[in-house]
Amino acid sequence: MHGYSEHKEDHLKRLRRIEGQVRGISRMIDEDQYCIDVLTQLSAVTRALQSVALGLLDEHLSHCVVAAARAGGAEQETKLREASEAIARLVRS
């Protein structure tokens, strides 16, 4: 079971909403909407995706990494490295 399993439907609902926002942005561009309005919507989608990512990261840390830390050994090292790499990717994005 993954750390996000408990909130899976919430994440999927949020991603479907974001998907709709992206389709709306495509429509805006197709309809030659004002650049700043398109950029505003792109910024909103970016923030929404970051919010989902942070939620998943939090769930990963509190579930998967904590369980691995309790188990110790190679699994602990692997999960900590994965979490660190995921955080680095989020910071760079």
PDB file of N, CA and C in Angstrom:
ATOM      1  N   MET A   1       0.850  -1.186   0.000  1.00  0.00           N
ATOM      2  CA  MET A   1       0.000   0.000   0.000  1.00  0.00           C
ATOM      3  C   MET A   1       0.890   1.242   0.000  1.00  0.00           C
ATOM      4  N   HIS A   2       0.565   2.187  -0.846  1.00  0.00           N
ATOM      5  CA  HIS A   2       1.335   3.421  -0.946  1.00  0.00           C
ATOM      6  C   HIS A   2       0.832   4.446   0.068  1.00  0.00           C
ATOM      7  N   GLY A   3       1.699   5.396   0.413  1.00  0.00           N
ATOM      8  CA  GLY A   3       1.350   6.414   1.392  1.00  0.00           C
ATOM      9  C   GLY A   3       0.160   7.266   0.988  1.00  0.00           C
ATOM     10  N   TYR A   4      -0.073   7.423  -0.296  1.00  0.00           N
ATOM     11  CA  TYR A   4      -1.165   8.269  -0.770  1.00  0.00           C
ATOM     12  C   TYR A   4      -2.489   7.521  -0.887  1.00  0.00           C
ATOM     13  N   SER A   5      -2.482   6.217  -0.665  1.00  0.00           N
ATOM     14  CA  SER A   5      -3.680   5.404  -0.888  1.00  0.00           C
ATOM     15  C   SER A   5      -4.908   5.915  -0.149  1.00  0.00           C
ATOM     16  N   GLU A   6      -4.691   6.395   1.057  1.00  0.00           N
ATOM     17  CA  GLU A   6      -5.814   6.883   1.861  1.00  0.00           C
ATOM     18  C   GLU A   6      -6.493   8.101   1.225  1.00  0.00           C
ATOM     19  N   HIS A   7      -5.717   8.905   0.500  1.00  0.00           N
ATOM     20  CA  HIS A   7      -6.240  10.133  -0.112  1.00  0.00           C
ATOM     21  C   HIS A   7      -6.267  10.043  -1.636  1.00  0.00           C
ATOM     22  N   LYS A   8      -6.248   8.839  -2.159  1.00  0.00           N
ATOM     23  CA  LYS A   8      -6.165   8.625  -3.610  1.00  0.00           C
ATOM     24  C   LYS A   8      -7.267   9.368  -4.360  1.00  0.00           C
ATOM     25  N   GLU A   9      -8.497   9.237  -3.914  1.00  0.00           N
ATOM     26  CA  GLU A   9      -9.615   9.887  -4.611  1.00  0.00           C
ATOM     27  C   GLU A   9      -9.487  11.409  -4.579  1.00  0.00           C
ATOM     28  N   ASP A  10      -9.005  11.961  -3.477  1.00  0.00           N
ATOM     29  CA  ASP A  10      -8.789  13.412  -3.394  1.00  0.00           C
ATOM     30  C   ASP A  10      -7.746  13.856  -4.419  1.00  0.00           C
ATOM     31  N   HIS A  11      -6.665  13.087  -4.521  1.00  0.00           N
ATOM     32  CA  HIS A  11      -5.616  13.426  -5.490  1.00  0.00           C
ATOM     33  C   HIS A  11      -6.141  13.327  -6.917  1.00  0.00           C
ATOM     34  N   LEU A  12      -6.884  12.269  -7.198  1.00  0.00           N
ATOM     35  CA  LEU A  12      -7.433  12.107  -8.546  1.00  0.00           C
ATOM     36  C   LEU A  12      -8.416  13.225  -8.885  1.00  0.00           C
ATOM     37  N   LYS A  13      -9.244  13.608  -7.929  1.00  0.00           N
ATOM     38  CA  LYS A  13     -10.192  14.698  -8.155  1.00  0.00           C
ATOM     39  C   LYS A  13      -9.447  15.997  -8.458  1.00  0.00           C
ATOM     40  N   ARG A  14      -8.390  16.261  -7.690  1.00  0.00           N
ATOM     41  CA  ARG A  14      -7.600  17.474  -7.897  1.00  0.00           C
ATOM     42  C   ARG A  14      -6.916  17.440  -9.263  1.00  0.00           C
ATOM     43  N   LEU A  15      -6.382  16.291  -9.643  1.00  0.00           N
ATOM     44  CA  LEU A  15      -5.722  16.173 -10.945  1.00  0.00           C
ATOM     45  C   LEU A  15      -6.710  16.327 -12.095  1.00  0.00           C
ATOM     46  N   ARG A  16      -7.933  15.836 -11.923  1.00  0.00           N
ATOM     47  CA  ARG A  16      -8.952  16.031 -12.968  1.00  0.00           C
ATOM     48  C   ARG A  16      -9.293  17.520 -13.102  1.00  0.00           C
ATOM     49  N   ARG A  17      -9.344  18.216 -11.978  1.00  0.00           N
ATOM     50  CA  ARG A  17      -9.598  19.652 -12.018  1.00  0.00           C
ATOM     51  C   ARG A  17      -8.463  20.370 -12.742  1.00  0.00           C
ATOM     52  N   ILE A  18      -7.231  19.980 -12.448  1.00  0.00           N
ATOM     53  CA  ILE A  18      -6.066  20.574 -13.115  1.00  0.00           C
ATOM     54  C   ILE A  18      -6.101  20.273 -14.610  1.00  0.00           C
ATOM     55  N   GLU A  19      -6.477  19.054 -14.950  1.00  0.00           N
ATOM     56  CA  GLU A  19      -6.601  18.671 -16.359  1.00  0.00           C
ATOM     57  C   GLU A  19      -7.592  19.588 -17.074  1.00  0.00           C
ATOM     58  N   GLY A  20      -8.699  19.900 -16.418  1.00  0.00           N
ATOM     59  CA  GLY A  20      -9.675  20.826 -16.986  1.00  0.00           C
ATOM     60  C   GLY A  20      -9.101  22.220 -17.151  1.00  0.00           C
ATOM     61  N   GLN A  21      -8.297  22.648 -16.174  1.00  0.00           N
ATOM     62  CA  GLN A  21      -7.651  23.955 -16.281  1.00  0.00           C
ATOM     63  C   GLN A  21      -6.719  24.000 -17.487  1.00  0.00           C
ATOM     64  N   VAL A  22      -5.980  22.928 -17.706  1.00  0.00           N
ATOM     65  CA  VAL A  22      -5.046  22.873 -18.838  1.00  0.00           C
ATOM     66  C   VAL A  22      -5.812  22.926 -20.158  1.00  0.00           C
ATOM     67  N   ARG A  23      -6.930  22.198 -20.231  1.00  0.00           N
ATOM     68  CA  ARG A  23      -7.757  22.275 -21.451  1.00  0.00           C
ATOM     69  C   ARG A  23      -8.258  23.706 -21.654  1.00  0.00           C
ATOM     70  N   GLY A  24      -8.607  24.373 -20.568  1.00  0.00           N
ATOM     71  CA  GLY A  24      -9.047  25.767 -20.660  1.00  0.00           C
ATOM     72  C   GLY A  24      -7.950  26.673 -21.187  1.00  0.00           C
ATOM     73  N   ILE A  25      -6.731  26.421 -20.773  1.00  0.00           N
ATOM     74  CA  ILE A  25      -5.598  27.205 -21.270  1.00  0.00           C
ATOM     75  C   ILE A  25      -5.408  26.966 -22.760  1.00  0.00           C
ATOM     76  N   SER A  26      -5.546  25.730 -23.186  1.00  0.00           N
ATOM     77  CA  SER A  26      -5.448  25.430 -24.625  1.00  0.00           C
ATOM     78  C   SER A  26      -6.505  26.204 -25.402  1.00  0.00           C
ATOM     79  N   ARG A  27      -7.718  26.234 -24.857  1.00  0.00           N
ATOM     80  CA  ARG A  27      -8.797  26.993 -25.504  1.00  0.00           C
ATOM     81  C   ARG A  27      -8.456  28.479 -25.560  1.00  0.00           C
ATOM     82  N   MET A  28      -7.893  28.998 -24.464  1.00  0.00           N
ATOM     83  CA  MET A  28      -7.517  30.417 -24.430  1.00  0.00           C
ATOM     84  C   MET A  28      -6.528  30.741 -25.544  1.00  0.00           C
ATOM     85  N   ILE A  29      -5.540  29.874 -25.713  1.00  0.00           N
ATOM     86  CA  ILE A  29      -4.545  30.104 -26.759  1.00  0.00           C
ATOM     87  C   ILE A  29      -5.182  29.973 -28.132  1.00  0.00           C
ATOM     88  N   ASP A  30      -6.031  28.961 -28.297  1.00  0.00           N
ATOM     89  CA  ASP A  30      -6.728  28.772 -29.567  1.00  0.00           C
ATOM     90  C   ASP A  30      -7.574  29.996 -29.917  1.00  0.00           C
ATOM     91  N   GLU A  31      -8.140  30.635 -28.904  1.00  0.00           N
ATOM     92  CA  GLU A  31      -9.000  31.807 -29.107  1.00  0.00           C
ATOM     93  C   GLU A  31      -8.226  33.120 -29.051  1.00  0.00           C
ATOM     94  N   ASP A  32      -6.893  33.033 -29.049  1.00  0.00           N
ATOM     95  CA  ASP A  32      -6.027  34.216 -29.049  1.00  0.00           C
ATOM     96  C   ASP A  32      -6.309  35.158 -27.879  1.00  0.00           C
ATOM     97  N   GLN A  33      -6.462  34.578 -26.686  1.00  0.00           N
ATOM     98  CA  GLN A  33      -6.671  35.393 -25.485  1.00  0.00           C
ATOM     99  C   GLN A  33      -5.403  36.180 -25.161  1.00  0.00           C
ATOM    100  N   TYR A  34      -5.564  37.195 -24.329  1.00  0.00           N
ATOM    101  CA  TYR A  34      -4.472  38.075 -23.917  1.00  0.00           C
ATOM    102  C   TYR A  34      -3.385  37.276 -23.199  1.00  0.00           C
ATOM    103  N   CYS A  35      -2.119  37.541 -23.557  1.00  0.00           N
ATOM    104  CA  CYS A  35      -0.966  36.789 -23.037  1.00  0.00           C
ATOM    105  C   CYS A  35      -0.941  36.718 -21.512  1.00  0.00           C
ATOM    106  N   ILE A  36      -1.171  37.843 -20.864  1.00  0.00           N
ATOM    107  CA  ILE A  36      -1.100  37.895 -19.399  1.00  0.00           C
ATOM    108  C   ILE A  36      -2.170  37.003 -18.777  1.00  0.00           C
ATOM    109  N   ASP A  37      -3.342  36.953 -19.391  1.00  0.00           N
ATOM    110  CA  ASP A  37      -4.401  36.079 -18.868  1.00  0.00           C
ATOM    111  C   ASP A  37      -3.997  34.609 -18.983  1.00  0.00           C
ATOM    112  N   VAL A  38      -3.367  34.244 -20.084  1.00  0.00           N
ATOM    113  CA  VAL A  38      -2.895  32.867 -20.267  1.00  0.00           C
ATOM    114  C   VAL A  38      -1.808  32.558 -19.244  1.00  0.00           C
ATOM    115  N   LEU A  39      -0.871  33.480 -19.066  1.00  0.00           N
ATOM    116  CA  LEU A  39       0.203  33.277 -18.101  1.00  0.00           C
ATOM    117  C   LEU A  39      -0.337  33.154 -16.674  1.00  0.00           C
ATOM    118  N   THR A  40      -1.359  33.908 -16.365  1.00  0.00           N
ATOM    119  CA  THR A  40      -1.988  33.818 -15.040  1.00  0.00           C
ATOM    120  C   THR A  40      -2.558  32.430 -14.816  1.00  0.00           C
ATOM    121  N   GLN A  41      -3.213  31.898 -15.826  1.00  0.00           N
ATOM    122  CA  GLN A  41      -3.782  30.556 -15.710  1.00  0.00           C
ATOM    123  C   GLN A  41      -2.685  29.488 -15.642  1.00  0.00           C
ATOM    124  N   LEU A  42      -1.622  29.677 -16.387  1.00  0.00           N
ATOM    125  CA  LEU A  42      -0.490  28.745 -16.320  1.00  0.00           C
ATOM    126  C   LEU A  42       0.125  28.744 -14.924  1.00  0.00           C
ATOM    127  N   SER A  43       0.240  29.904 -14.342  1.00  0.00           N
ATOM    128  CA  SER A  43       0.763  30.011 -12.992  1.00  0.00           C
ATOM    129  C   SER A  43      -0.131  29.278 -11.996  1.00  0.00           C
ATOM    130  N   ALA A  44      -1.446  29.403 -12.167  1.00  0.00           N
ATOM    131  CA  ALA A  44      -2.389  28.722 -11.277  1.00  0.00           C
ATOM    132  C   ALA A  44      -2.257  27.204 -11.399  1.00  0.00           C
ATOM    133  N   VAL A  45      -2.096  26.710 -12.618  1.00  0.00           N
ATOM    134  CA  VAL A  45      -1.934  25.268 -12.835  1.00  0.00           C
ATOM    135  C   VAL A  45      -0.622  24.793 -12.209  1.00  0.00           C
ATOM    136  N   THR A  46       0.426  25.562 -12.381  1.00  0.00           N
ATOM    137  CA  THR A  46       1.718  25.205 -11.807  1.00  0.00           C
ATOM    138  C   THR A  46       1.612  25.107 -10.283  1.00  0.00           C
ATOM    139  N   ARG A  47       0.978  26.084  -9.661  1.00  0.00           N
ATOM    140  CA  ARG A  47       0.792  26.050  -8.198  1.00  0.00           C
ATOM    141  C   ARG A  47      -0.046  24.854  -7.781  1.00  0.00           C
ATOM    142  N   ALA A  48      -1.074  24.555  -8.544  1.00  0.00           N
ATOM    143  CA  ALA A  48      -1.935  23.417  -8.219  1.00  0.00           C
ATOM    144  C   ALA A  48      -1.160  22.103  -8.306  1.00  0.00           C
ATOM    145  N   LEU A  49      -0.335  21.939  -9.333  1.00  0.00           N
ATOM    146  CA  LEU A  49       0.482  20.734  -9.459  1.00  0.00           C
ATOM    147  C   LEU A  49       1.507  20.636  -8.330  1.00  0.00           C
ATOM    148  N   GLN A  50       2.089  21.767  -7.963  1.00  0.00           N
ATOM    149  CA  GLN A  50       3.035  21.767  -6.851  1.00  0.00           C
ATOM    150  C   GLN A  50       2.340  21.368  -5.554  1.00  0.00           C
ATOM    151  N   SER A  51       1.112  21.801  -5.382  1.00  0.00           N
ATOM    152  CA  SER A  51       0.349  21.437  -4.194  1.00  0.00           C
ATOM    153  C   SER A  51       0.108  19.932  -4.129  1.00  0.00           C
ATOM    154  N   VAL A  52      -0.244  19.340  -5.257  1.00  0.00           N
ATOM    155  CA  VAL A  52      -0.430  17.889  -5.314  1.00  0.00           C
ATOM    156  C   VAL A  52       0.896  17.189  -5.006  1.00  0.00           C
ATOM    157  N   ALA A  53       1.966  17.671  -5.600  1.00  0.00           N
ATOM    158  CA  ALA A  53       3.284  17.064  -5.390  1.00  0.00           C
ATOM    159  C   ALA A  53       3.690  17.135  -3.918  1.00  0.00           C
ATOM    160  N   LEU A  54       3.473  18.270  -3.288  1.00  0.00           N
ATOM    161  CA  LEU A  54       3.830  18.409  -1.873  1.00  0.00           C
ATOM    162  C   LEU A  54       2.979  17.504  -0.993  1.00  0.00           C
ATOM    163  N   GLY A  55       1.719  17.355  -1.340  1.00  0.00           N
ATOM    164  CA  GLY A  55       0.852  16.445  -0.596  1.00  0.00           C
ATOM    165  C   GLY A  55       1.330  15.009  -0.707  1.00  0.00           C
ATOM    166  N   LEU A  56       1.696  14.597  -1.922  1.00  0.00           N
ATOM    167  CA  LEU A  56       2.215  13.242  -2.131  1.00  0.00           C
ATOM    168  C   LEU A  56       3.536  13.040  -1.393  1.00  0.00           C
ATOM    169  N   LEU A  57       4.387  14.053  -1.425  1.00  0.00           N
ATOM    170  CA  LEU A  57       5.669  13.969  -0.723  1.00  0.00           C
ATOM    171  C   LEU A  57       5.439  13.831   0.777  1.00  0.00           C
ATOM    172  N   ASP A  58       4.543  14.620   1.316  1.00  0.00           N
ATOM    173  CA  ASP A  58       4.235  14.545   2.747  1.00  0.00           C
ATOM    174  C   ASP A  58       3.732  13.152   3.118  1.00  0.00           C
ATOM    175  N   GLU A  59       2.848  12.610   2.300  1.00  0.00           N
ATOM    176  CA  GLU A  59       2.331  11.268   2.565  1.00  0.00           C
ATOM    177  C   GLU A  59       3.428  10.216   2.432  1.00  0.00           C
ATOM    178  N   HIS A  60       4.326  10.398   1.467  1.00  0.00           N
ATOM    179  CA  HIS A  60       5.439   9.463   1.304  1.00  0.00           C
ATOM    180  C   HIS A  60       6.337   9.491   2.546  1.00  0.00           C
ATOM    181  N   LEU A  61       6.637  10.691   3.011  1.00  0.00           N
ATOM    182  CA  LEU A  61       7.505  10.802   4.188  1.00  0.00           C
ATOM    183  C   LEU A  61       6.856  10.194   5.425  1.00  0.00           C
ATOM    184  N   SER A  62       5.587  10.487   5.628  1.00  0.00           N
ATOM    185  CA  SER A  62       4.929  10.029   6.855  1.00  0.00           C
ATOM    186  C   SER A  62       4.551   8.558   6.822  1.00  0.00           C
ATOM    187  N   HIS A  63       4.509   7.964   5.644  1.00  0.00           N
ATOM    188  CA  HIS A  63       4.132   6.553   5.554  1.00  0.00           C
ATOM    189  C   HIS A  63       5.330   5.691   5.150  1.00  0.00           C
ATOM    190  N   CYS A  64       5.798   5.867   3.943  1.00  0.00           N
ATOM    191  CA  CYS A  64       6.839   4.997   3.389  1.00  0.00           C
ATOM    192  C   CYS A  64       8.188   5.186   4.077  1.00  0.00           C
ATOM    193  N   VAL A  65       8.596   6.432   4.264  1.00  0.00           N
ATOM    194  CA  VAL A  65       9.911   6.684   4.852  1.00  0.00           C
ATOM    195  C   VAL A  65       9.914   6.311   6.333  1.00  0.00           C
ATOM    196  N   VAL A  66       8.841   6.620   7.041  1.00  0.00           N
ATOM    197  CA  VAL A  66       8.770   6.246   8.455  1.00  0.00           C
ATOM    198  C   VAL A  66       8.810   4.733   8.610  1.00  0.00           C
ATOM    199  N   ALA A  67       8.070   4.003   7.781  1.00  0.00           N
ATOM    200  CA  ALA A  67       8.081   2.538   7.844  1.00  0.00           C
ATOM    201  C   ALA A  67       9.480   2.000   7.547  1.00  0.00           C
ATOM    202  N   ALA A  68      10.153   2.573   6.562  1.00  0.00           N
ATOM    203  CA  ALA A  68      11.504   2.125   6.218  1.00  0.00           C
ATOM    204  C   ALA A  68      12.488   2.451   7.338  1.00  0.00           C
ATOM    205  N   ALA A  69      12.315   3.605   7.974  1.00  0.00           N
ATOM    206  CA  ALA A  69      13.200   3.972   9.080  1.00  0.00           C
ATOM    207  C   ALA A  69      13.036   2.989  10.240  1.00  0.00           C
ATOM    208  N   ARG A  70      11.818   2.560  10.470  1.00  0.00           N
ATOM    209  CA  ARG A  70      11.586   1.567  11.521  1.00  0.00           C
ATOM    210  C   ARG A  70      12.223   0.224  11.161  1.00  0.00           C
ATOM    211  N   ALA A  71      12.196  -0.127   9.872  1.00  0.00           N
ATOM    212  CA  ALA A  71      12.763  -1.399   9.423  1.00  0.00           C
ATOM    213  C   ALA A  71      14.287  -1.354   9.442  1.00  0.00           C
ATOM    214  N   GLY A  72      14.833  -0.176   9.146  1.00  0.00           N
ATOM    215  CA  GLY A  72      16.288  -0.023   9.140  1.00  0.00           C
ATOM    216  C   GLY A  72      16.932  -0.654   7.920  1.00  0.00           C
ATOM    217  N   GLY A  73      18.235  -0.727   7.953  1.00  0.00           N
ATOM    218  CA  GLY A  73      19.001  -1.389   6.906  1.00  0.00           C
ATOM    219  C   GLY A  73      18.948  -0.712   5.558  1.00  0.00           C
ATOM    220  N   ALA A  74      19.051  -1.535   4.522  1.00  0.00           N
ATOM    221  CA  ALA A  74      19.115  -1.038   3.146  1.00  0.00           C
ATOM    222  C   ALA A  74      17.832  -0.333   2.733  1.00  0.00           C
ATOM    223  N   GLU A  75      16.694  -0.834   3.208  1.00  0.00           N
ATOM    224  CA  GLU A  75      15.417  -0.201   2.859  1.00  0.00           C
ATOM    225  C   GLU A  75      15.369   1.235   3.371  1.00  0.00           C
ATOM    226  N   GLN A  76      15.861   1.445   4.575  1.00  0.00           N
ATOM    227  CA  GLN A  76      15.900   2.793   5.147  1.00  0.00           C
ATOM    228  C   GLN A  76      16.739   3.717   4.276  1.00  0.00           C
ATOM    229  N   GLU A  77      17.910   3.262   3.909  1.00  0.00           N
ATOM    230  CA  GLU A  77      18.794   4.076   3.074  1.00  0.00           C
ATOM    231  C   GLU A  77      18.165   4.389   1.726  1.00  0.00           C
ATOM    232  N   THR A  78      17.528   3.402   1.117  1.00  0.00           N
ATOM    233  CA  THR A  78      16.887   3.584  -0.183  1.00  0.00           C
ATOM    234  C   THR A  78      15.772   4.612  -0.105  1.00  0.00           C
ATOM    235  N   LYS A  79      14.889   4.474   0.879  1.00  0.00           N
ATOM    236  CA  LYS A  79      13.751   5.393   1.009  1.00  0.00           C
ATOM    237  C   LYS A  79      14.219   6.803   1.325  1.00  0.00           C
ATOM    238  N   LEU A  80      15.223   6.952   2.161  1.00  0.00           N
ATOM    239  CA  LEU A  80      15.739   8.284   2.471  1.00  0.00           C
ATOM    240  C   LEU A  80      16.359   8.926   1.238  1.00  0.00           C
ATOM    241  N   ARG A  81      17.114   8.134   0.455  1.00  0.00           N
ATOM    242  CA  ARG A  81      17.714   8.663  -0.772  1.00  0.00           C
ATOM    243  C   ARG A  81      16.632   9.073  -1.773  1.00  0.00           C
ATOM    244  N   GLU A  82      15.609   8.208  -1.933  1.00  0.00           N
ATOM    245  CA  GLU A  82      14.502   8.539  -2.840  1.00  0.00           C
ATOM    246  C   GLU A  82      13.805   9.828  -2.416  1.00  0.00           C
ATOM    247  N   ALA A  83      13.546   9.971  -1.128  1.00  0.00           N
ATOM    248  CA  ALA A  83      12.876  11.180  -0.630  1.00  0.00           C
ATOM    249  C   ALA A  83      13.730  12.413  -0.878  1.00  0.00           C
ATOM    250  N   SER A  84      15.015  12.290  -0.618  1.00  0.00           N
ATOM    251  CA  SER A  84      15.926  13.412  -0.841  1.00  0.00           C
ATOM    252  C   SER A  84      15.960  13.806  -2.315  1.00  0.00           C
ATOM    253  N   GLU A  85      15.999  12.826  -3.201  1.00  0.00           N
ATOM    254  CA  GLU A  85      16.002  13.104  -4.641  1.00  0.00           C
ATOM    255  C   GLU A  85      14.685  13.729  -5.091  1.00  0.00           C
ATOM    256  N   ALA A  86      13.577  13.264  -4.527  1.00  0.00           N
ATOM    257  CA  ALA A  86      12.268  13.839  -4.874  1.00  0.00           C
ATOM    258  C   ALA A  86      12.188  15.294  -4.424  1.00  0.00           C
ATOM    259  N   ILE A  87      12.692  15.576  -3.235  1.00  0.00           N
ATOM    260  CA  ILE A  87      12.698  16.959  -2.735  1.00  0.00           C
ATOM    261  C   ILE A  87      13.555  17.833  -3.643  1.00  0.00           C
ATOM    262  N   ALA A  88      14.700  17.330  -4.047  1.00  0.00           N
ATOM    263  CA  ALA A  88      15.582  18.087  -4.942  1.00  0.00           C
ATOM    264  C   ALA A  88      14.885  18.390  -6.260  1.00  0.00           C
ATOM    265  N   ARG A  89      14.155  17.410  -6.817  1.00  0.00           N
ATOM    266  CA  ARG A  89      13.430  17.644  -8.076  1.00  0.00           C
ATOM    267  C   ARG A  89      12.362  18.718  -7.889  1.00  0.00           C
ATOM    268  N   LEU A  90      11.663  18.668  -6.763  1.00  0.00           N
ATOM    269  CA  LEU A  90      10.618  19.673  -6.520  1.00  0.00           C
ATOM    270  C   LEU A  90      11.203  21.061  -6.357  1.00  0.00           C
ATOM    271  N   VAL A  91      12.340  21.154  -5.705  1.00  0.00           N
ATOM    272  CA  VAL A  91      12.984  22.453  -5.505  1.00  0.00           C
ATOM    273  C   VAL A  91      13.450  23.031  -6.836  1.00  0.00           C
ATOM    274  N   ARG A  92      13.940  22.166  -7.722  1.00  0.00           N
ATOM    275  CA  ARG A  92      14.410  22.635  -9.035  1.00  0.00           C
ATOM    276  C   ARG A  92      13.277  23.039  -9.966  1.00  0.00           C
ATOM    277  N   SER A  93      12.092  22.502  -9.734  1.00  0.00           N
ATOM    278  CA  SER A  93      10.995  22.771 -10.663  1.00  0.00           C
ATOM    279  C   SER A  93      10.328  24.097 -10.421  1.00  0.00           C
TER     280      SER A  93
END
